[in-house]
Amino acid sequence: MTGTRVLLLHGFEHHRPRGHWLWWLAEELRRARVPVQYPQLPSPELPRLEAWREVALGELAMLGDGERVVITHSLGGILWLHVAQGLDPSLRVDRVLMTAPPHPDRLTGPMGDLALGTVDVAAVARASGSTMVAARAEDPYRAGPIGALATRWGLPSVEIAGVGHLNPDDGHGPWGAALEWVLADDRDLEWRPGEHAD
């Protein structure tokens, strides 16, 4: 019998720092004997869509059988939207959690190569069994409520109280609810007090 396998996709300027909750999550999943892939995407200070997409597709192909889960942070979520729109059905995943995706209007300058055009909502839906977006109520990389942005992509969302980008800069550390969501198959993503850093 095969179990859950997880792919973590990081964001802009991310070099897999130990203080980031993605690193913590990778360690906790490995401790729980859940296979996890946490690749360093090339040139995180100057991301290129084709280079990032190539890595993401390669990692998806290596996930193997069993339940396939993708968790993204920040620009990694935008990468997922690009990948999902052209994903071969053989690489379809079961669940996706997109955390703190930036608003498309913020994809300028060094992030401009990942700029989004019109998102094919139906294709994104076909790429996974379920996808959820989670973000702080206020995020410097987003204008307006997360619900409005997620709805634009045809996705449900969870708003997490507070201000920040869900990273060490805003005090966000180990994230028990994300680990529980992977291990317990908590598709409703019911966040409870004390399960994320404020």
C-alpha atoms as a PDB file:
ATOM      1  CA  MET A   1       0.000   0.000   0.000  1.00  0.00           C
ATOM      2  CA  THR A   2       1.311   3.451  -0.896  1.00  0.00           C
ATOM      3  CA  GLY A   3       0.770   6.574   1.224  1.00  0.00           C
ATOM      4  CA  THR A   4       0.935  10.309   0.917  1.00  0.00           C
ATOM      5  CA  ARG A   5       3.797  11.971  -0.967  1.00  0.00           C
ATOM      6  CA  VAL A   6       4.409  15.705  -0.753  1.00  0.00           C
ATOM      7  CA  LEU A   7       6.010  18.332  -2.994  1.00  0.00           C
ATOM      8  CA  LEU A   8       6.860  21.745  -1.491  1.00  0.00           C
ATOM      9  CA  LEU A   9       7.297  24.697  -3.867  1.00  0.00           C
ATOM     10  CA  HIS A  10       8.861  27.834  -2.395  1.00  0.00           C
ATOM     11  CA  GLY A  11       8.728  31.451  -3.505  1.00  0.00           C
ATOM     12  CA  PHE A  12      10.792  34.459  -4.492  1.00  0.00           C
ATOM     13  CA  GLU A  13      14.271  34.876  -2.923  1.00  0.00           C
ATOM     14  CA  HIS A  14      13.816  31.639  -0.988  1.00  0.00           C
ATOM     15  CA  HIS A  15      16.923  29.564  -0.268  1.00  0.00           C
ATOM     16  CA  ARG A  16      15.244  27.012   1.999  1.00  0.00           C
ATOM     17  CA  PRO A  17      16.177  28.746   5.285  1.00  0.00           C
ATOM     18  CA  ARG A  18      15.877  26.597   8.400  1.00  0.00           C
ATOM     19  CA  GLY A  19      13.665  29.219  10.029  1.00  0.00           C
ATOM     20  CA  HIS A  20      10.957  28.949   7.382  1.00  0.00           C
ATOM     21  CA  TRP A  21       7.896  26.801   8.117  1.00  0.00           C
ATOM     22  CA  LEU A  22       8.432  24.935   4.827  1.00  0.00           C
ATOM     23  CA  TRP A  23      11.752  23.622   6.176  1.00  0.00           C
ATOM     24  CA  TRP A  24      10.067  22.698   9.468  1.00  0.00           C
ATOM     25  CA  LEU A  25       7.238  20.984   7.593  1.00  0.00           C
ATOM     26  CA  ALA A  26       9.681  18.968   5.471  1.00  0.00           C
ATOM     27  CA  GLU A  27      11.482  17.773   8.607  1.00  0.00           C
ATOM     28  CA  GLU A  28       8.248  16.871  10.385  1.00  0.00           C
ATOM     29  CA  LEU A  29       6.931  14.964   7.381  1.00  0.00           C
ATOM     30  CA  ARG A  30      10.177  13.022   7.096  1.00  0.00           C
ATOM     31  CA  ARG A  31      10.004  12.284  10.812  1.00  0.00           C
ATOM     32  CA  ALA A  32       6.508  10.888  10.182  1.00  0.00           C
ATOM     33  CA  ARG A  33       7.983   8.815   7.311  1.00  0.00           C
ATOM     34  CA  VAL A  34       6.075  10.748   4.656  1.00  0.00           C
ATOM     35  CA  PRO A  35       8.155  11.120   1.474  1.00  0.00           C
ATOM     36  CA  VAL A  36       8.666  14.831   0.818  1.00  0.00           C
ATOM     37  CA  GLN A  37      10.438  16.745  -1.942  1.00  0.00           C
ATOM     38  CA  TYR A  38      11.580  20.323  -1.253  1.00  0.00           C
ATOM     39  CA  PRO A  39      13.660  21.358  -4.277  1.00  0.00           C
ATOM     40  CA  GLN A  40      15.677  24.544  -4.503  1.00  0.00           C
ATOM     41  CA  LEU A  41      14.196  26.334  -7.503  1.00  0.00           C
ATOM     42  CA  PRO A  42      16.860  27.951  -9.713  1.00  0.00           C
ATOM     43  CA  SER A  43      17.801  31.620  -9.335  1.00  0.00           C
ATOM     44  CA  PRO A  44      15.171  32.538  -6.732  1.00  0.00           C
ATOM     45  CA  GLU A  45      16.238  36.214  -6.907  1.00  0.00           C
ATOM     46  CA  LEU A  46      15.495  36.295 -10.647  1.00  0.00           C
ATOM     47  CA  PRO A  47      13.022  33.476 -11.311  1.00  0.00           C
ATOM     48  CA  ARG A  48      12.410  32.317 -14.856  1.00  0.00           C
ATOM     49  CA  LEU A  49       9.122  30.586 -15.562  1.00  0.00           C
ATOM     50  CA  GLU A  50      10.482  27.888 -17.875  1.00  0.00           C
ATOM     51  CA  ALA A  51      13.320  26.956 -15.496  1.00  0.00           C
ATOM     52  CA  TRP A  52      10.963  26.825 -12.504  1.00  0.00           C
ATOM     53  CA  ARG A  53       8.309  24.938 -14.459  1.00  0.00           C
ATOM     54  CA  GLU A  54      10.867  22.357 -15.610  1.00  0.00           C
ATOM     55  CA  VAL A  55      11.914  21.652 -12.018  1.00  0.00           C
ATOM     56  CA  ALA A  56       8.294  21.476 -10.811  1.00  0.00           C
ATOM     57  CA  LEU A  57       7.288  19.042 -13.559  1.00  0.00           C
ATOM     58  CA  GLY A  58      10.328  16.864 -12.902  1.00  0.00           C
ATOM     59  CA  GLU A  59       9.520  16.754  -9.199  1.00  0.00           C
ATOM     60  CA  LEU A  60       5.869  15.927  -9.905  1.00  0.00           C
ATOM     61  CA  ALA A  61       6.959  13.048 -12.123  1.00  0.00           C
ATOM     62  CA  MET A  62       9.089  11.697  -9.249  1.00  0.00           C
ATOM     63  CA  LEU A  63       6.281  11.816  -6.671  1.00  0.00           C
ATOM     64  CA  GLY A  64       5.272   8.297  -7.585  1.00  0.00           C
ATOM     65  CA  ASP A  65       2.077   6.507  -6.619  1.00  0.00           C
ATOM     66  CA  GLY A  66      -0.168   7.143  -3.654  1.00  0.00           C
ATOM     67  CA  GLU A  67      -1.835  10.353  -2.578  1.00  0.00           C
ATOM     68  CA  ARG A  68       0.030  13.248  -4.186  1.00  0.00           C
ATOM     69  CA  VAL A  69       0.039  16.572  -2.315  1.00  0.00           C
ATOM     70  CA  VAL A  70       1.517  19.933  -3.328  1.00  0.00           C
ATOM     71  CA  ILE A  71       2.075  22.802  -0.886  1.00  0.00           C
ATOM     72  CA  THR A  72       3.235  26.173  -2.167  1.00  0.00           C
ATOM     73  CA  HIS A  73       4.320  29.429  -0.587  1.00  0.00           C
ATOM     74  CA  SER A  74       4.145  32.837  -2.221  1.00  0.00           C
ATOM     75  CA  LEU A  75       5.478  32.799  -5.809  1.00  0.00           C
ATOM     76  CA  GLY A  76       5.417  28.991  -5.661  1.00  0.00           C
ATOM     77  CA  GLY A  77       1.617  29.303  -5.845  1.00  0.00           C
ATOM     78  CA  ILE A  78       1.843  31.349  -9.012  1.00  0.00           C
ATOM     79  CA  LEU A  79       4.200  28.698 -10.380  1.00  0.00           C
ATOM     80  CA  TRP A  80       1.569  26.078  -9.557  1.00  0.00           C
ATOM     81  CA  LEU A  81      -1.081  28.021 -11.514  1.00  0.00           C
ATOM     82  CA  HIS A  82       1.213  28.094 -14.549  1.00  0.00           C
ATOM     83  CA  VAL A  83       2.014  24.378 -14.225  1.00  0.00           C
ATOM     84  CA  ALA A  84      -1.602  23.386 -13.578  1.00  0.00           C
ATOM     85  CA  GLN A  85      -2.890  25.036 -16.745  1.00  0.00           C
ATOM     86  CA  GLY A  86      -0.846  22.724 -18.958  1.00  0.00           C
ATOM     87  CA  LEU A  87      -0.513  19.689 -16.709  1.00  0.00           C
ATOM     88  CA  ASP A  88      -0.536  16.269 -18.306  1.00  0.00           C
ATOM     89  CA  PRO A  89      -3.323  14.192 -16.723  1.00  0.00           C
ATOM     90  CA  SER A  90      -0.748  11.586 -15.673  1.00  0.00           C
ATOM     91  CA  LEU A  91       0.773  14.166 -13.285  1.00  0.00           C
ATOM     92  CA  ARG A  92      -2.513  15.195 -11.669  1.00  0.00           C
ATOM     93  CA  VAL A  93      -2.304  15.558  -7.879  1.00  0.00           C
ATOM     94  CA  ASP A  94      -4.837  14.901  -5.155  1.00  0.00           C
ATOM     95  CA  ARG A  95      -4.548  18.037  -3.023  1.00  0.00           C
ATOM     96  CA  VAL A  96      -2.933  21.459  -3.247  1.00  0.00           C
ATOM     97  CA  LEU A  97      -2.492  24.072  -0.528  1.00  0.00           C
ATOM     98  CA  MET A  98      -1.433  27.456  -1.922  1.00  0.00           C
ATOM     99  CA  THR A  99      -0.255  29.765   0.866  1.00  0.00           C
ATOM    100  CA  ALA A 100       0.224  33.535   0.614  1.00  0.00           C
ATOM    101  CA  PRO A 101       0.109  33.830  -3.180  1.00  0.00           C
ATOM    102  CA  PRO A 102       0.987  37.319  -4.382  1.00  0.00           C
ATOM    103  CA  HIS A 103      -1.560  39.339  -6.317  1.00  0.00           C
ATOM    104  CA  PRO A 104      -0.888  39.195 -10.086  1.00  0.00           C
ATOM    105  CA  ASP A 105      -0.430  42.994 -10.079  1.00  0.00           C
ATOM    106  CA  ARG A 106       2.658  42.500  -7.879  1.00  0.00           C
ATOM    107  CA  LEU A 107       4.384  40.224 -10.388  1.00  0.00           C
ATOM    108  CA  THR A 108       6.670  42.922 -11.735  1.00  0.00           C
ATOM    109  CA  GLY A 109      10.404  43.583 -11.714  1.00  0.00           C
ATOM    110  CA  PRO A 110      12.397  40.439 -10.880  1.00  0.00           C
ATOM    111  CA  MET A 111       9.158  38.429 -10.566  1.00  0.00           C
ATOM    112  CA  GLY A 112       7.832  39.609 -13.925  1.00  0.00           C
ATOM    113  CA  ASP A 113       8.701  36.432 -15.830  1.00  0.00           C
ATOM    114  CA  LEU A 114       6.000  34.617 -13.847  1.00  0.00           C
ATOM    115  CA  ALA A 115       3.348  37.226 -14.662  1.00  0.00           C
ATOM    116  CA  LEU A 116      -0.102  35.706 -15.060  1.00  0.00           C
ATOM    117  CA  GLY A 117      -2.428  36.273 -17.952  1.00  0.00           C
ATOM    118  CA  THR A 118      -5.967  34.962 -17.831  1.00  0.00           C
ATOM    119  CA  VAL A 119      -6.084  31.847 -15.654  1.00  0.00           C
ATOM    120  CA  ASP A 120      -7.861  28.835 -17.149  1.00  0.00           C
ATOM    121  CA  VAL A 121      -9.997  28.025 -14.111  1.00  0.00           C
ATOM    122  CA  ALA A 122     -11.195  24.702 -15.539  1.00  0.00           C
ATOM    123  CA  ALA A 123      -7.620  23.549 -16.209  1.00  0.00           C
ATOM    124  CA  VAL A 124      -6.540  24.486 -12.678  1.00  0.00           C
ATOM    125  CA  ALA A 125      -9.486  22.483 -11.316  1.00  0.00           C
ATOM    126  CA  ARG A 126      -8.537  19.448 -13.436  1.00  0.00           C
ATOM    127  CA  ALA A 127      -4.944  19.520 -12.160  1.00  0.00           C
ATOM    128  CA  SER A 128      -5.928  18.425  -8.640  1.00  0.00           C
ATOM    129  CA  GLY A 129      -8.690  16.765  -6.678  1.00  0.00           C
ATOM    130  CA  SER A 130      -8.942  19.864  -4.486  1.00  0.00           C
ATOM    131  CA  THR A 131      -7.034  23.110  -4.119  1.00  0.00           C
ATOM    132  CA  MET A 132      -7.211  25.554  -1.202  1.00  0.00           C
ATOM    133  CA  VAL A 133      -5.716  29.035  -0.843  1.00  0.00           C
ATOM    134  CA  ALA A 134      -4.681  30.278   2.621  1.00  0.00           C
ATOM    135  CA  ALA A 135      -3.259  33.689   3.493  1.00  0.00           C
ATOM    136  CA  ARG A 136      -3.170  36.399   6.142  1.00  0.00           C
ATOM    137  CA  ALA A 137      -5.985  38.955   6.210  1.00  0.00           C
ATOM    138  CA  GLU A 138      -3.424  41.559   5.127  1.00  0.00           C
ATOM    139  CA  ASP A 139      -0.335  40.751   3.073  1.00  0.00           C
ATOM    140  CA  PRO A 140       2.195  43.206   1.613  1.00  0.00           C
ATOM    141  CA  TYR A 141       2.185  41.187  -1.625  1.00  0.00           C
ATOM    142  CA  ARG A 142      -1.593  41.386  -2.043  1.00  0.00           C
ATOM    143  CA  ALA A 143      -4.181  44.124  -2.263  1.00  0.00           C
ATOM    144  CA  GLY A 144      -7.688  43.259  -1.105  1.00  0.00           C
ATOM    145  CA  PRO A 145      -9.093  40.150   0.544  1.00  0.00           C
ATOM    146  CA  ILE A 146      -7.672  36.724  -0.219  1.00  0.00           C
ATOM    147  CA  GLY A 147     -11.182  35.465  -0.935  1.00  0.00           C
ATOM    148  CA  ALA A 148     -11.531  37.792  -3.925  1.00  0.00           C
ATOM    149  CA  LEU A 149      -8.219  36.656  -5.390  1.00  0.00           C
ATOM    150  CA  ALA A 150      -8.968  32.965  -4.838  1.00  0.00           C
ATOM    151  CA  THR A 151     -12.435  33.345  -6.384  1.00  0.00           C
ATOM    152  CA  ARG A 152     -10.789  34.846  -9.477  1.00  0.00           C
ATOM    153  CA  TRP A 153      -8.936  31.520  -9.805  1.00  0.00           C
ATOM    154  CA  GLY A 154     -12.030  29.436  -9.026  1.00  0.00           C
ATOM    155  CA  LEU A 155     -10.637  28.305  -5.671  1.00  0.00           C
ATOM    156  CA  PRO A 156     -11.882  28.265  -2.064  1.00  0.00           C
ATOM    157  CA  SER A 157      -9.859  30.155   0.517  1.00  0.00           C
ATOM    158  CA  VAL A 158      -9.104  30.477   4.210  1.00  0.00           C
ATOM    159  CA  GLU A 159      -8.235  33.859   5.694  1.00  0.00           C
ATOM    160  CA  ILE A 160      -5.795  33.729   8.597  1.00  0.00           C
ATOM    161  CA  ALA A 161      -5.959  36.611  11.058  1.00  0.00           C
ATOM    162  CA  GLY A 162      -3.133  39.113  11.165  1.00  0.00           C
ATOM    163  CA  VAL A 163      -0.725  40.901   8.882  1.00  0.00           C
ATOM    164  CA  GLY A 164       2.192  39.377   6.981  1.00  0.00           C
ATOM    165  CA  HIS A 165       3.342  37.001   4.277  1.00  0.00           C
ATOM    166  CA  LEU A 166       3.394  33.792   6.343  1.00  0.00           C
ATOM    167  CA  ASN A 167       7.167  33.807   6.623  1.00  0.00           C
ATOM    168  CA  PRO A 168       9.848  34.318   9.294  1.00  0.00           C
ATOM    169  CA  ASP A 169       9.843  38.090   8.668  1.00  0.00           C
ATOM    170  CA  ASP A 170       6.382  38.339  10.223  1.00  0.00           C
ATOM    171  CA  GLY A 171       7.138  35.861  13.007  1.00  0.00           C
ATOM    172  CA  HIS A 172       5.532  32.884  11.323  1.00  0.00           C
ATOM    173  CA  GLY A 173       7.314  29.729  12.463  1.00  0.00           C
ATOM    174  CA  PRO A 174       6.333  26.041  12.787  1.00  0.00           C
ATOM    175  CA  TRP A 175       2.824  25.528  11.446  1.00  0.00           C
ATOM    176  CA  GLY A 176       1.020  22.632  13.092  1.00  0.00           C
ATOM    177  CA  ALA A 177      -2.173  23.099  11.091  1.00  0.00           C
ATOM    178  CA  ALA A 178      -0.330  22.598   7.805  1.00  0.00           C
ATOM    179  CA  LEU A 179       1.203  19.367   9.096  1.00  0.00           C
ATOM    180  CA  GLU A 180      -2.191  18.200  10.339  1.00  0.00           C
ATOM    181  CA  TRP A 181      -3.740  19.030   6.980  1.00  0.00           C
ATOM    182  CA  VAL A 182      -1.239  16.729   5.243  1.00  0.00           C
ATOM    183  CA  LEU A 183      -1.374  13.877   7.736  1.00  0.00           C
ATOM    184  CA  ALA A 184      -5.068  13.939   8.602  1.00  0.00           C
ATOM    185  CA  ASP A 185      -6.344  14.696   5.096  1.00  0.00           C
ATOM    186  CA  ASP A 186      -8.147  17.726   6.555  1.00  0.00           C
ATOM    187  CA  ARG A 187      -9.658  18.955   3.333  1.00  0.00           C
ATOM    188  CA  ASP A 188     -11.711  21.617   5.129  1.00  0.00           C
ATOM    189  CA  LEU A 189      -8.544  23.169   6.582  1.00  0.00           C
ATOM    190  CA  GLU A 190     -10.166  24.237   9.831  1.00  0.00           C
ATOM    191  CA  TRP A 191      -7.579  26.511  11.455  1.00  0.00           C
ATOM    192  CA  ARG A 192      -7.832  26.731  15.208  1.00  0.00           C
ATOM    193  CA  PRO A 193      -6.166  29.217  17.598  1.00  0.00           C
ATOM    194  CA  GLY A 194      -2.572  28.381  18.410  1.00  0.00           C
ATOM    195  CA  GLU A 195      -1.959  26.398  15.225  1.00  0.00           C
ATOM    196  CA  HIS A 196      -0.066  29.161  13.481  1.00  0.00           C
ATOM    197  CA  ALA A 197       2.256  31.866  14.625  1.00  0.00           C
ATOM    198  CA  ASP A 198       0.811  35.363  15.023  1.00  0.00           C
END
